[in-house]
Each structure stands twice: as structure tokens, then as C-alpha cells.
Amino acid sequence: MGSDRYLVTGAFGCIGAWTVKRLLESGAAVTTYDLPGKPARLELIMDTAELAKVDIVAGDITDQAMFERVVEEKKITHIMHLAALQVPFVRANPVLGAQVNVVGTAIVLEAARKFANQVSGVTYCSSIAVYGPASMYPPGPLAHDAEFAPATLYGVTKVTNEEWARIYWQDYQVKSIGLRPFFVYGPGRDQGISSGPSKAMVAAAAGRAYHIGFGGKAVYQHADDVAGALIQASRNLPEGAPVFNLGGSWVDVSEIVAGIDELAPEMAGKITQETTPLFTPEGVDGAPLDKAIGKVHWRPLKDGIRDTMEHTKAALKAGKLDIERAIN
């Protein structure tokens, strides 16, 4: 993969950090593009030697001129577009949310169009938030072509991004593939409305009580596995601008609590939950993605909980994790 040059937007986020780590392990050259700041999540999951290999560029995804300059000057061959504001932040500032999530995506697609002789395509994260609540759909995993019914402004921005990508293929033949994560967990997942189960794993590993603010069934995906799916998709870009739901572990929040209790019996009764589900479908069918790019690996939930808790303990011991920031 020595000739691959990846640009990862939103690399300081949870999925972005794991994507950078996986890309480096595969031998690709990686440039990150994110706002100035401390790369805390990268530092959480990577050592100093690994971080030294990352070409970190401070930039705003809404700055078209700078983004295009980086794509051109760094000779980028693959764009991984993961920069976005999540549900609470879009709700708090809708205009900024639209600028980052929608205008930012338009800038990424336009750069891929302008440098089509160099960039093979765009791989980006959409979201399960493009769909409505479980009550809208038949029981069981959601069909790949289910109706969009976003219940948040964040979800609306993600629907818009999918449509931008579709038209950029239709009008300019810009290849892209979008993936819709469901509930992502693992080290570094410390923001967003669905981060509660991940925070509970981290809290339990630190010997801290935690209350998950929702319940119900959903699909859970370790951030490292999501990163693997994104990279696999980027290297198997189909024609067009398809978007796929991601597979994973289809479980109830109570099963996550039970899994934490099993691994940390001293915390039994200290990790609690609400019973009301969030505004999402219960589950999705990940088979169409497997058919398009090859079988995607998803670790069993119990393994994911163990990995997250063990990583947390090691990070705390090494002084690499601010526990207050991670669970509040």
C-alpha cells in the first residue's frame, strides 16, 4: 500500500483516530485534517512512534481553498471524510452544524472532482440517524432500502450528504461510498448521544459508577471494526455513490450491562440504565455491504467490552486517559 496517500478528515474524533491507526498499520501514508488542538484520542490508542508517522494538518473543513490545497500538495489518492458535528452539537448550533456537516461534505466532493486524476474517490460516514424510530418500521433488522425519516437536524444533514454524493456521481462521475454506523463504542468514544454504553465500559474499568441514559435494542460496533470497514470500502470502491448500513452486535442495553458485570463483578449494581430507547430503528441488515466489498469483520460484543475495559485500565496506568473527560 506504499503508493496510497490518505487524507482523513475528523481524525481527532473516535472513528477517525482508529482509522488513522489502521491505515498506518497497513503501510499507507496518512495526512490528517482537523481543527487545531490536542490529538487526545490519537494519543489514547497510539504510541509515540506511531504518532510520529502521521502528517497532522490543522485546518477547517469549511475552508475550501485550504482543503483543496492540501489535497493537491499532499498528492492525496484517497479521501476518508469523517469530520462532523454530532447530534447535541448540531442541535445547539444548527447553522454551524449545517456548515460543518453539509458544506464540509460539499467541499470534500468538489475537491475529489477537481483532482479526479489523482483522487480515486471519497469514503465517508453517514449515520443510522437518517432513519426514524423503531415504531416506524416492521420488527427485526431494517431493510437496506428503508424509508428515511430523520428525527434530528444531525440526521437531516446526513441525508443531505448522501444526496450530494449521489448527484456528484450522476453529474461528475465522482466515486464515493458512504457507511452508516449505528452505535459505536470503544476507547475514544466519549461524545455523542449514543456514547453511554461506551462510557459505562470505561467507567467500570476505572471503578466508577455510571448510568446509561437509554435502553432498548440496537446494533453496536467497536470503533476499530468501523475503521476497518471504512478502509476496506475505500479499497473496493464500487461504481456510483452507494451507501450501506453496517453490521455488528444486535443487542439490548441490558446485555451490555450484564457483559460489564461479568468482566468486572465488583461493579455489579453500579452500572445502571434507563429503559426507553433512542429515536433509532432496532437493527439493520449489514449483508448488502458484505456483498459489495467483501465480508466485514465484527468482533463479538463480549470481546469488544473486554478490549475496551482492558485498554482503559492500561491507559489509566500510563497516564494517557482523563477519566473525567472520558465519562462526563
C-alpha atoms as a PDB file:
ATOM      1  CA  MET A   1       0.000   0.000   0.000  1.00  0.00           C
ATOM      2  CA  GLY A   2       3.055   2.247  -0.269  1.00  0.00           C
ATOM      3  CA  SER A   3       1.548   4.365  -3.069  1.00  0.00           C
ATOM      4  CA  ASP A   4      -1.669   5.090  -1.164  1.00  0.00           C
ATOM      5  CA  ARG A   5      -1.854   8.550   0.344  1.00  0.00           C
ATOM      6  CA  TYR A   6      -4.870   9.001   2.588  1.00  0.00           C
ATOM      7  CA  LEU A   7      -6.395  12.220   3.852  1.00  0.00           C
ATOM      8  CA  VAL A   8      -8.555  11.656   6.951  1.00  0.00           C
ATOM      9  CA  THR A   9     -10.866  14.481   7.992  1.00  0.00           C
ATOM     10  CA  GLY A  10     -12.119  14.451  11.562  1.00  0.00           C
ATOM     11  CA  ALA A  11      -9.081  12.386  12.538  1.00  0.00           C
ATOM     12  CA  PHE A  12      -9.181  13.644  16.120  1.00  0.00           C
ATOM     13  CA  GLY A  13     -12.588  12.006  16.621  1.00  0.00           C
ATOM     14  CA  CYS A  14     -13.124   8.435  17.762  1.00  0.00           C
ATOM     15  CA  ILE A  15     -13.681   6.710  14.401  1.00  0.00           C
ATOM     16  CA  GLY A  16     -11.117   8.994  12.787  1.00  0.00           C
ATOM     17  CA  ALA A  17      -8.412   8.087  15.290  1.00  0.00           C
ATOM     18  CA  TRP A  18      -8.952   4.357  14.824  1.00  0.00           C
ATOM     19  CA  THR A  19      -8.953   4.827  11.048  1.00  0.00           C
ATOM     20  CA  VAL A  20      -5.591   6.601  11.193  1.00  0.00           C
ATOM     21  CA  LYS A  21      -4.160   3.802  13.349  1.00  0.00           C
ATOM     22  CA  ARG A  22      -5.397   1.077  10.997  1.00  0.00           C
ATOM     23  CA  LEU A  23      -4.148   2.885   7.896  1.00  0.00           C
ATOM     24  CA  LEU A  24      -0.664   3.267   9.345  1.00  0.00           C
ATOM     25  CA  GLU A  25      -0.603  -0.417  10.256  1.00  0.00           C
ATOM     26  CA  SER A  26      -1.448  -1.238   6.630  1.00  0.00           C
ATOM     27  CA  GLY A  27       1.518   0.776   5.364  1.00  0.00           C
ATOM     28  CA  ALA A  28      -0.386   3.745   3.918  1.00  0.00           C
ATOM     29  CA  ALA A  29       0.817   7.339   4.203  1.00  0.00           C
ATOM     30  CA  VAL A  30      -1.668   9.338   6.293  1.00  0.00           C
ATOM     31  CA  THR A  31      -2.391  13.046   6.461  1.00  0.00           C
ATOM     32  CA  THR A  32      -4.959  14.202   8.992  1.00  0.00           C
ATOM     33  CA  TYR A  33      -7.123  17.292   8.592  1.00  0.00           C
ATOM     34  CA  ASP A  34      -8.819  18.617  11.718  1.00  0.00           C
ATOM     35  CA  LEU A  35      -9.155  21.763  13.775  1.00  0.00           C
ATOM     36  CA  PRO A  36      -6.117  22.783  15.830  1.00  0.00           C
ATOM     37  CA  GLY A  37      -5.928  21.084  19.199  1.00  0.00           C
ATOM     38  CA  LYS A  38      -4.515  18.211  21.174  1.00  0.00           C
ATOM     39  CA  PRO A  39      -4.985  14.859  19.394  1.00  0.00           C
ATOM     40  CA  ALA A  40      -6.129  13.213  22.628  1.00  0.00           C
ATOM     41  CA  ARG A  41      -7.861  10.226  21.022  1.00  0.00           C
ATOM     42  CA  LEU A  42      -4.909   9.521  18.733  1.00  0.00           C
ATOM     43  CA  GLU A  43      -2.620   9.620  21.770  1.00  0.00           C
ATOM     44  CA  LEU A  44      -5.002   7.297  23.626  1.00  0.00           C
ATOM     45  CA  ILE A  45      -4.714   4.471  21.095  1.00  0.00           C
ATOM     46  CA  MET A  46      -1.281   5.056  19.529  1.00  0.00           C
ATOM     47  CA  ASP A  47       2.250   5.225  20.884  1.00  0.00           C
ATOM     48  CA  THR A  48       4.762   7.994  20.244  1.00  0.00           C
ATOM     49  CA  ALA A  49       6.467   6.168  17.384  1.00  0.00           C
ATOM     50  CA  GLU A  50       3.161   5.619  15.590  1.00  0.00           C
ATOM     51  CA  LEU A  51       2.091   9.233  16.061  1.00  0.00           C
ATOM     52  CA  ALA A  52       5.376  10.446  14.596  1.00  0.00           C
ATOM     53  CA  LYS A  53       4.381   8.856  11.279  1.00  0.00           C
ATOM     54  CA  VAL A  54       1.190  10.926  11.000  1.00  0.00           C
ATOM     55  CA  ASP A  55       1.252  14.100   8.924  1.00  0.00           C
ATOM     56  CA  ILE A  56      -1.030  16.327  11.024  1.00  0.00           C
ATOM     57  CA  VAL A  57      -2.507  19.363   9.266  1.00  0.00           C
ATOM     58  CA  ALA A  58      -4.576  21.912  11.194  1.00  0.00           C
ATOM     59  CA  GLY A  59      -7.493  23.019   9.044  1.00  0.00           C
ATOM     60  CA  ASP A  60     -11.189  23.840   8.992  1.00  0.00           C
ATOM     61  CA  ILE A  61     -13.373  21.577   6.846  1.00  0.00           C
ATOM     62  CA  THR A  62     -15.367  24.647   5.762  1.00  0.00           C
ATOM     63  CA  ASP A  63     -12.232  26.295   4.302  1.00  0.00           C
ATOM     64  CA  GLN A  64     -12.452  25.202   0.661  1.00  0.00           C
ATOM     65  CA  ALA A  65      -9.249  26.811  -0.562  1.00  0.00           C
ATOM     66  CA  MET A  66      -7.126  25.274   2.165  1.00  0.00           C
ATOM     67  CA  PHE A  67      -8.695  21.835   1.854  1.00  0.00           C
ATOM     68  CA  GLU A  68      -8.103  21.745  -1.894  1.00  0.00           C
ATOM     69  CA  ARG A  69      -4.547  22.952  -1.423  1.00  0.00           C
ATOM     70  CA  VAL A  70      -3.839  20.089   0.997  1.00  0.00           C
ATOM     71  CA  VAL A  71      -5.347  17.514  -1.365  1.00  0.00           C
ATOM     72  CA  GLU A  72      -3.212  18.772  -4.231  1.00  0.00           C
ATOM     73  CA  GLU A  73       0.057  19.391  -2.416  1.00  0.00           C
ATOM     74  CA  LYS A  74      -0.011  16.152  -0.427  1.00  0.00           C
ATOM     75  CA  LYS A  75      -0.852  14.175  -3.587  1.00  0.00           C
ATOM     76  CA  ILE A  76      -3.811  12.550  -1.849  1.00  0.00           C
ATOM     77  CA  THR A  77      -5.183   9.394  -3.517  1.00  0.00           C
ATOM     78  CA  HIS A  78      -7.975   8.517  -1.046  1.00  0.00           C
ATOM     79  CA  ILE A  79     -10.185  10.857   1.000  1.00  0.00           C
ATOM     80  CA  MET A  80     -11.739   9.491   4.195  1.00  0.00           C
ATOM     81  CA  HIS A  81     -14.310  12.090   5.213  1.00  0.00           C
ATOM     82  CA  LEU A  82     -15.241  11.618   8.871  1.00  0.00           C
ATOM     83  CA  ALA A  83     -15.464  15.218  10.105  1.00  0.00           C
ATOM     84  CA  ALA A  84     -18.890  16.085  11.510  1.00  0.00           C
ATOM     85  CA  LEU A  85     -20.655  17.635  14.464  1.00  0.00           C
ATOM     86  CA  GLN A  86     -22.811  15.134  16.338  1.00  0.00           C
ATOM     87  CA  VAL A  87     -26.449  15.294  17.464  1.00  0.00           C
ATOM     88  CA  PRO A  88     -26.134  17.517  20.573  1.00  0.00           C
ATOM     89  CA  PHE A  89     -23.772  19.976  18.896  1.00  0.00           C
ATOM     90  CA  VAL A  90     -25.922  20.372  15.777  1.00  0.00           C
ATOM     91  CA  ARG A  91     -28.973  20.879  17.992  1.00  0.00           C
ATOM     92  CA  ALA A  92     -27.130  23.548  19.989  1.00  0.00           C
ATOM     93  CA  ASN A  93     -25.905  25.403  16.896  1.00  0.00           C
ATOM     94  CA  PRO A  94     -27.838  24.387  13.762  1.00  0.00           C
ATOM     95  CA  VAL A  95     -26.130  26.862  11.446  1.00  0.00           C
ATOM     96  CA  LEU A  96     -22.654  25.684  12.414  1.00  0.00           C
ATOM     97  CA  GLY A  97     -23.901  22.100  12.158  1.00  0.00           C
ATOM     98  CA  ALA A  98     -25.011  22.693   8.576  1.00  0.00           C
ATOM     99  CA  GLN A  99     -21.749  24.429   7.721  1.00  0.00           C
ATOM    100  CA  VAL A 100     -19.579  21.608   9.049  1.00  0.00           C
ATOM    101  CA  ASN A 101     -21.699  18.616   8.093  1.00  0.00           C
ATOM    102  CA  VAL A 102     -23.199  19.703   4.772  1.00  0.00           C
ATOM    103  CA  VAL A 103     -20.938  22.421   3.369  1.00  0.00           C
ATOM    104  CA  GLY A 104     -17.903  20.469   4.563  1.00  0.00           C
ATOM    105  CA  THR A 105     -19.050  17.416   2.623  1.00  0.00           C
ATOM    106  CA  ALA A 106     -19.706  19.527  -0.471  1.00  0.00           C
ATOM    107  CA  ILE A 107     -16.139  20.844  -0.243  1.00  0.00           C
ATOM    108  CA  VAL A 108     -14.749  17.309   0.018  1.00  0.00           C
ATOM    109  CA  LEU A 109     -16.715  16.097  -3.011  1.00  0.00           C
ATOM    110  CA  GLU A 110     -15.738  19.157  -5.019  1.00  0.00           C
ATOM    111  CA  ALA A 111     -12.062  18.539  -4.247  1.00  0.00           C
ATOM    112  CA  ALA A 112     -12.448  14.951  -5.448  1.00  0.00           C
ATOM    113  CA  ARG A 113     -14.000  16.297  -8.670  1.00  0.00           C
ATOM    114  CA  LYS A 114     -11.270  18.877  -9.262  1.00  0.00           C
ATOM    115  CA  PHE A 115      -8.482  16.379  -8.665  1.00  0.00           C
ATOM    116  CA  ALA A 116     -10.118  13.367 -10.289  1.00  0.00           C
ATOM    117  CA  ASN A 117      -6.852  12.414 -11.988  1.00  0.00           C
ATOM    118  CA  GLN A 118      -5.326  11.993  -8.538  1.00  0.00           C
ATOM    119  CA  VAL A 119      -8.121  11.058  -6.093  1.00  0.00           C
ATOM    120  CA  SER A 120      -9.721   7.636  -6.595  1.00  0.00           C
ATOM    121  CA  GLY A 121     -12.819   8.533  -4.602  1.00  0.00           C
ATOM    122  CA  VAL A 122     -14.363   9.505  -1.281  1.00  0.00           C
ATOM    123  CA  THR A 123     -15.270   7.210   1.604  1.00  0.00           C
ATOM    124  CA  TYR A 124     -17.449   8.890   4.207  1.00  0.00           C
ATOM    125  CA  CYS A 125     -19.561   8.275   7.283  1.00  0.00           C
ATOM    126  CA  SER A 126     -23.272   8.805   7.055  1.00  0.00           C
ATOM    127  CA  SER A 127     -25.305   7.656  10.077  1.00  0.00           C
ATOM    128  CA  ILE A 128     -28.129   5.476  11.331  1.00  0.00           C
ATOM    129  CA  ALA A 129     -29.743   8.831  12.177  1.00  0.00           C
ATOM    130  CA  VAL A 130     -31.047   9.055   8.597  1.00  0.00           C
ATOM    131  CA  TYR A 131     -33.803   6.681   9.753  1.00  0.00           C
ATOM    132  CA  GLY A 132     -36.677   7.184  12.139  1.00  0.00           C
ATOM    133  CA  PRO A 133     -37.611   5.394  15.377  1.00  0.00           C
ATOM    134  CA  ALA A 134     -38.258   1.652  15.551  1.00  0.00           C
ATOM    135  CA  SER A 135     -42.030   2.233  15.697  1.00  0.00           C
ATOM    136  CA  MET A 136     -41.953   3.333  12.028  1.00  0.00           C
ATOM    137  CA  TYR A 137     -40.650   0.027  10.704  1.00  0.00           C
ATOM    138  CA  PRO A 138     -41.524  -3.683  10.776  1.00  0.00           C
ATOM    139  CA  PRO A 139     -39.940  -5.752  13.581  1.00  0.00           C
ATOM    140  CA  GLY A 140     -36.436  -7.074  13.045  1.00  0.00           C
ATOM    141  CA  PRO A 141     -33.389  -5.738  11.188  1.00  0.00           C
ATOM    142  CA  LEU A 142     -34.116  -2.769   8.948  1.00  0.00           C
ATOM    143  CA  ALA A 143     -34.087  -3.368   5.183  1.00  0.00           C
ATOM    144  CA  HIS A 144     -31.300  -1.644   3.254  1.00  0.00           C
ATOM    145  CA  ASP A 145     -33.773   0.462   1.268  1.00  0.00           C
ATOM    146  CA  ALA A 146     -35.953   1.501   4.231  1.00  0.00           C
ATOM    147  CA  GLU A 147     -37.506   4.957   4.183  1.00  0.00           C
ATOM    148  CA  PHE A 148     -35.518   7.888   5.560  1.00  0.00           C
ATOM    149  CA  ALA A 149     -37.203   9.722   8.440  1.00  0.00           C
ATOM    150  CA  PRO A 150     -34.543  11.600  10.428  1.00  0.00           C
ATOM    151  CA  ALA A 151     -35.663  12.713  13.881  1.00  0.00           C
ATOM    152  CA  THR A 152     -32.817  15.199  14.396  1.00  0.00           C
ATOM    153  CA  LEU A 153     -31.159  18.022  12.481  1.00  0.00           C
ATOM    154  CA  TYR A 154     -27.994  15.919  12.536  1.00  0.00           C
ATOM    155  CA  GLY A 155     -29.872  13.166  10.720  1.00  0.00           C
ATOM    156  CA  VAL A 156     -31.105  15.678   8.149  1.00  0.00           C
ATOM    157  CA  THR A 157     -27.508  16.728   7.417  1.00  0.00           C
ATOM    158  CA  LYS A 158     -26.563  13.098   6.829  1.00  0.00           C
ATOM    159  CA  VAL A 159     -29.452  12.535   4.399  1.00  0.00           C
ATOM    160  CA  THR A 160     -28.337  15.670   2.565  1.00  0.00           C
ATOM    161  CA  ASN A 161     -24.765  14.393   2.334  1.00  0.00           C
ATOM    162  CA  GLU A 162     -25.914  11.124   0.786  1.00  0.00           C
ATOM    163  CA  GLU A 163     -27.833  13.092  -1.840  1.00  0.00           C
ATOM    164  CA  TRP A 164     -24.836  15.339  -2.553  1.00  0.00           C
ATOM    165  CA  ALA A 165     -22.738  12.237  -3.164  1.00  0.00           C
ATOM    166  CA  ARG A 166     -25.394  10.737  -5.441  1.00  0.00           C
ATOM    167  CA  ILE A 167     -25.549  13.840  -7.622  1.00  0.00           C
ATOM    168  CA  TYR A 168     -21.746  14.186  -7.737  1.00  0.00           C
ATOM    169  CA  TRP A 169     -21.669  10.716  -9.272  1.00  0.00           C
ATOM    170  CA  GLN A 170     -24.579  11.486 -11.603  1.00  0.00           C
ATOM    171  CA  ASP A 171     -23.169  14.788 -12.846  1.00  0.00           C
ATOM    172  CA  TYR A 172     -19.390  14.428 -12.455  1.00  0.00           C
ATOM    173  CA  GLN A 173     -18.705  10.681 -12.003  1.00  0.00           C
ATOM    174  CA  VAL A 174     -17.098  11.224  -8.591  1.00  0.00           C
ATOM    175  CA  LYS A 175     -16.962   7.791  -6.985  1.00  0.00           C
ATOM    176  CA  SER A 176     -17.932   7.553  -3.329  1.00  0.00           C
ATOM    177  CA  ILE A 177     -19.144   5.097  -0.760  1.00  0.00           C
ATOM    178  CA  GLY A 178     -20.964   6.005   2.433  1.00  0.00           C
ATOM    179  CA  LEU A 179     -21.271   3.838   5.536  1.00  0.00           C
ATOM    180  CA  ARG A 180     -23.904   4.315   8.235  1.00  0.00           C
ATOM    181  CA  PRO A 181     -22.527   3.394  11.671  1.00  0.00           C
ATOM    182  CA  PHE A 182     -25.105   2.559  14.332  1.00  0.00           C
ATOM    183  CA  PHE A 183     -23.920   2.837  17.963  1.00  0.00           C
ATOM    184  CA  VAL A 184     -20.125   2.950  18.040  1.00  0.00           C
ATOM    185  CA  TYR A 185     -18.230   2.054  21.205  1.00  0.00           C
ATOM    186  CA  GLY A 186     -14.656   1.585  22.331  1.00  0.00           C
ATOM    187  CA  PRO A 187     -11.704   3.672  23.517  1.00  0.00           C
ATOM    188  CA  GLY A 188     -12.143   7.291  22.470  1.00  0.00           C
ATOM    189  CA  ARG A 189     -15.958   7.185  22.178  1.00  0.00           C
ATOM    190  CA  ASP A 190     -16.635   9.923  24.683  1.00  0.00           C
ATOM    191  CA  GLN A 191     -19.025  12.243  22.814  1.00  0.00           C
ATOM    192  CA  GLY A 192     -22.461  11.974  21.259  1.00  0.00           C
ATOM    193  CA  ILE A 193     -25.909  10.928  22.384  1.00  0.00           C
ATOM    194  CA  SER A 194     -25.229   7.185  21.977  1.00  0.00           C
ATOM    195  CA  SER A 195     -21.878   7.153  23.792  1.00  0.00           C
ATOM    196  CA  GLY A 196     -23.400   5.991  27.109  1.00  0.00           C
ATOM    197  CA  PRO A 197     -22.613   2.253  26.779  1.00  0.00           C
ATOM    198  CA  SER A 198     -19.011   3.031  25.847  1.00  0.00           C
ATOM    199  CA  LYS A 199     -18.674   5.412  28.796  1.00  0.00           C
ATOM    200  CA  ALA A 200     -20.117   2.718  31.061  1.00  0.00           C
ATOM    201  CA  MET A 201     -17.365   0.295  29.993  1.00  0.00           C
ATOM    202  CA  VAL A 202     -14.706   2.917  30.656  1.00  0.00           C
ATOM    203  CA  ALA A 203     -16.247   3.883  33.998  1.00  0.00           C
ATOM    204  CA  ALA A 204     -16.413   0.268  35.167  1.00  0.00           C
ATOM    205  CA  ALA A 205     -12.764  -0.286  34.243  1.00  0.00           C
ATOM    206  CA  ALA A 206     -11.901   2.730  36.393  1.00  0.00           C
ATOM    207  CA  GLY A 207     -14.065   1.540  39.266  1.00  0.00           C
ATOM    208  CA  ARG A 208     -16.603   4.303  38.759  1.00  0.00           C
ATOM    209  CA  ALA A 209     -20.407   4.032  38.742  1.00  0.00           C
ATOM    210  CA  TYR A 210     -22.247   5.066  35.585  1.00  0.00           C
ATOM    211  CA  HIS A 211     -25.861   5.405  34.428  1.00  0.00           C
ATOM    212  CA  ILE A 212     -26.664   4.800  30.738  1.00  0.00           C
ATOM    213  CA  GLY A 213     -29.407   7.232  29.736  1.00  0.00           C
ATOM    214  CA  PHE A 214     -31.315   4.960  27.363  1.00  0.00           C
ATOM    215  CA  GLY A 215     -32.291   1.349  26.778  1.00  0.00           C
ATOM    216  CA  GLY A 216     -33.647  -0.860  24.030  1.00  0.00           C
ATOM    217  CA  LYS A 217     -32.062  -2.931  21.268  1.00  0.00           C
ATOM    218  CA  ALA A 218     -29.597  -1.563  18.753  1.00  0.00           C
ATOM    219  CA  VAL A 219     -26.538  -2.575  16.728  1.00  0.00           C
ATOM    220  CA  TYR A 220     -23.197  -1.954  18.446  1.00  0.00           C
ATOM    221  CA  GLN A 221     -19.911  -1.662  16.584  1.00  0.00           C
ATOM    222  CA  HIS A 222     -16.408  -1.354  18.027  1.00  0.00           C
ATOM    223  CA  ALA A 223     -14.713   1.754  16.619  1.00  0.00           C
ATOM    224  CA  ASP A 224     -11.722  -0.265  15.438  1.00  0.00           C
ATOM    225  CA  ASP A 225     -14.029  -2.511  13.405  1.00  0.00           C
ATOM    226  CA  VAL A 226     -15.799   0.515  11.907  1.00  0.00           C
ATOM    227  CA  ALA A 227     -12.395   1.850  10.873  1.00  0.00           C
ATOM    228  CA  GLY A 228     -11.622  -1.493   9.261  1.00  0.00           C
ATOM    229  CA  ALA A 229     -14.876  -1.395   7.318  1.00  0.00           C
ATOM    230  CA  LEU A 230     -14.165   2.136   6.095  1.00  0.00           C
ATOM    231  CA  ILE A 231     -10.698   1.221   4.875  1.00  0.00           C
ATOM    232  CA  GLN A 232     -11.954  -1.966   3.239  1.00  0.00           C
ATOM    233  CA  ALA A 233     -14.621   0.092   1.461  1.00  0.00           C
ATOM    234  CA  SER A 234     -12.082   2.680   0.298  1.00  0.00           C
ATOM    235  CA  ARG A 235     -10.025  -0.050  -1.358  1.00  0.00           C
ATOM    236  CA  ASN A 236     -13.009  -1.702  -3.018  1.00  0.00           C
ATOM    237  CA  LEU A 237     -14.910   1.316  -4.313  1.00  0.00           C
ATOM    238  CA  PRO A 238     -17.851   0.210  -6.460  1.00  0.00           C
ATOM    239  CA  GLU A 239     -19.139   2.313  -9.320  1.00  0.00           C
ATOM    240  CA  GLY A 240     -21.536   5.047  -8.315  1.00  0.00           C
ATOM    241  CA  ALA A 241     -22.274   6.504  -4.881  1.00  0.00           C
ATOM    242  CA  PRO A 242     -23.818   3.668  -2.832  1.00  0.00           C
ATOM    243  CA  VAL A 243     -24.464   3.918   0.904  1.00  0.00           C
ATOM    244  CA  PHE A 244     -24.647   0.920   3.237  1.00  0.00           C
ATOM    245  CA  ASN A 245     -25.700   0.095   6.770  1.00  0.00           C
ATOM    246  CA  LEU A 246     -23.102  -1.573   8.981  1.00  0.00           C
ATOM    247  CA  GLY A 247     -23.480  -4.877  10.770  1.00  0.00           C
ATOM    248  CA  GLY A 248     -22.306  -5.661  14.286  1.00  0.00           C
ATOM    249  CA  SER A 249     -23.795  -6.952  17.544  1.00  0.00           C
ATOM    250  CA  TRP A 250     -27.583  -6.614  17.738  1.00  0.00           C
ATOM    251  CA  VAL A 251     -28.207  -6.487  21.484  1.00  0.00           C
ATOM    252  CA  ASP A 252     -30.189  -4.793  24.233  1.00  0.00           C
ATOM    253  CA  VAL A 253     -28.516  -2.301  26.572  1.00  0.00           C
ATOM    254  CA  SER A 254     -29.203  -4.745  29.406  1.00  0.00           C
ATOM    255  CA  GLU A 255     -26.900  -7.251  27.684  1.00  0.00           C
ATOM    256  CA  ILE A 256     -24.116  -4.671  27.691  1.00  0.00           C
ATOM    257  CA  VAL A 257     -24.617  -4.047  31.396  1.00  0.00           C
ATOM    258  CA  ALA A 258     -24.549  -7.807  32.013  1.00  0.00           C
ATOM    259  CA  GLY A 259     -21.358  -8.122  29.967  1.00  0.00           C
ATOM    260  CA  ILE A 260     -19.683  -5.398  32.022  1.00  0.00           C
ATOM    261  CA  ASP A 261     -20.803  -7.037  35.263  1.00  0.00           C
ATOM    262  CA  GLU A 262     -19.382 -10.377  34.128  1.00  0.00           C
ATOM    263  CA  LEU A 263     -15.971  -8.856  33.415  1.00  0.00           C
ATOM    264  CA  ALA A 264     -15.989  -6.616  36.478  1.00  0.00           C
ATOM    265  CA  PRO A 265     -18.096  -8.398  39.113  1.00  0.00           C
ATOM    266  CA  GLU A 266     -17.025  -5.881  41.738  1.00  0.00           C
ATOM    267  CA  MET A 267     -19.056  -3.281  39.784  1.00  0.00           C
ATOM    268  CA  ALA A 268     -22.311  -5.261  39.814  1.00  0.00           C
ATOM    269  CA  GLY A 269     -25.208  -2.910  40.510  1.00  0.00           C
ATOM    270  CA  LYS A 270     -23.094   0.185  39.866  1.00  0.00           C
ATOM    271  CA  ILE A 271     -23.632   0.278  36.094  1.00  0.00           C
ATOM    272  CA  THR A 272     -27.309   1.095  35.539  1.00  0.00           C
ATOM    273  CA  GLN A 273     -29.569   2.095  32.652  1.00  0.00           C
ATOM    274  CA  GLU A 274     -32.823   3.662  31.550  1.00  0.00           C
ATOM    275  CA  THR A 275     -35.289   1.507  29.620  1.00  0.00           C
ATOM    276  CA  THR A 276     -36.540   3.992  26.988  1.00  0.00           C
ATOM    277  CA  PRO A 277     -34.793   3.528  23.605  1.00  0.00           C
ATOM    278  CA  LEU A 278     -33.386   6.330  21.496  1.00  0.00           C
ATOM    279  CA  PHE A 279     -35.001   7.565  18.260  1.00  0.00           C
ATOM    280  CA  THR A 280     -33.458   4.886  16.034  1.00  0.00           C
ATOM    281  CA  PRO A 281     -34.535   1.589  14.473  1.00  0.00           C
ATOM    282  CA  GLU A 282     -33.778  -1.549  16.482  1.00  0.00           C
ATOM    283  CA  GLY A 283     -31.401  -3.129  13.989  1.00  0.00           C
ATOM    284  CA  VAL A 284     -30.140  -3.136  10.410  1.00  0.00           C
ATOM    285  CA  ASP A 285     -29.077  -5.647   7.782  1.00  0.00           C
ATOM    286  CA  GLY A 286     -25.345  -5.424   7.066  1.00  0.00           C
ATOM    287  CA  ALA A 287     -25.349  -8.122   4.359  1.00  0.00           C
ATOM    288  CA  PRO A 288     -25.517  -5.728   1.357  1.00  0.00           C
ATOM    289  CA  LEU A 289     -22.193  -4.160   2.401  1.00  0.00           C
ATOM    290  CA  ASP A 290     -20.564  -7.590   2.653  1.00  0.00           C
ATOM    291  CA  LYS A 291     -21.786  -8.341  -0.857  1.00  0.00           C
ATOM    292  CA  ALA A 292     -20.394  -5.069  -2.208  1.00  0.00           C
ATOM    293  CA  ILE A 293     -16.903  -5.020  -0.655  1.00  0.00           C
ATOM    294  CA  GLY A 294     -16.370  -8.471   0.878  1.00  0.00           C
ATOM    295  CA  LYS A 295     -17.049  -9.859   4.331  1.00  0.00           C
ATOM    296  CA  VAL A 296     -16.579  -7.267   7.064  1.00  0.00           C
ATOM    297  CA  HIS A 297     -15.239  -8.371  10.457  1.00  0.00           C
ATOM    298  CA  TRP A 298     -17.208  -7.525  13.603  1.00  0.00           C
ATOM    299  CA  ARG A 299     -15.872  -8.691  16.956  1.00  0.00           C
ATOM    300  CA  PRO A 300     -18.363 -10.293  19.349  1.00  0.00           C
ATOM    301  CA  LEU A 301     -19.761  -7.866  21.906  1.00  0.00           C
ATOM    302  CA  LYS A 302     -18.163  -9.640  24.854  1.00  0.00           C
ATOM    303  CA  ASP A 303     -14.754  -9.339  23.198  1.00  0.00           C
ATOM    304  CA  GLY A 304     -15.397  -5.672  22.449  1.00  0.00           C
ATOM    305  CA  ILE A 305     -16.324  -4.923  26.052  1.00  0.00           C
ATOM    306  CA  ARG A 306     -13.229  -6.751  27.282  1.00  0.00           C
ATOM    307  CA  ASP A 307     -10.979  -4.943  24.787  1.00  0.00           C
ATOM    308  CA  THR A 308     -12.398  -1.566  25.805  1.00  0.00           C
ATOM    309  CA  MET A 309     -12.032  -2.192  29.524  1.00  0.00           C
ATOM    310  CA  GLU A 310      -8.521  -3.623  29.237  1.00  0.00           C
ATOM    311  CA  HIS A 311      -7.419  -0.699  27.082  1.00  0.00           C
ATOM    312  CA  THR A 312      -8.910   1.714  29.608  1.00  0.00           C
ATOM    313  CA  LYS A 313      -7.013   0.136  32.507  1.00  0.00           C
ATOM    314  CA  ALA A 314      -3.743   0.263  30.572  1.00  0.00           C
ATOM    315  CA  ALA A 315      -4.339   3.885  29.544  1.00  0.00           C
ATOM    316  CA  LEU A 316      -5.109   4.917  33.127  1.00  0.00           C
ATOM    317  CA  LYS A 317      -1.955   3.215  34.362  1.00  0.00           C
ATOM    318  CA  ALA A 318       0.086   5.007  31.699  1.00  0.00           C
ATOM    319  CA  GLY A 319      -1.486   8.376  32.487  1.00  0.00           C
ATOM    320  CA  LYS A 320      -2.957   8.640  28.968  1.00  0.00           C
ATOM    321  CA  LEU A 321      -6.629   8.967  29.934  1.00  0.00           C
ATOM    322  CA  ASP A 322      -8.503  11.792  31.641  1.00  0.00           C
ATOM    323  CA  ILE A 323     -11.277   9.775  33.241  1.00  0.00           C
ATOM    324  CA  GLU A 324     -13.457  12.804  33.973  1.00  0.00           C
ATOM    325  CA  ARG A 325     -13.384  13.855  30.330  1.00  0.00           C
ATOM    326  CA  ALA A 326     -13.961  10.300  29.178  1.00  0.00           C
ATOM    327  CA  ILE A 327     -17.169   9.638  31.114  1.00  0.00           C
ATOM    328  CA  ASN A 328     -18.785  13.062  31.562  1.00  0.00           C
END
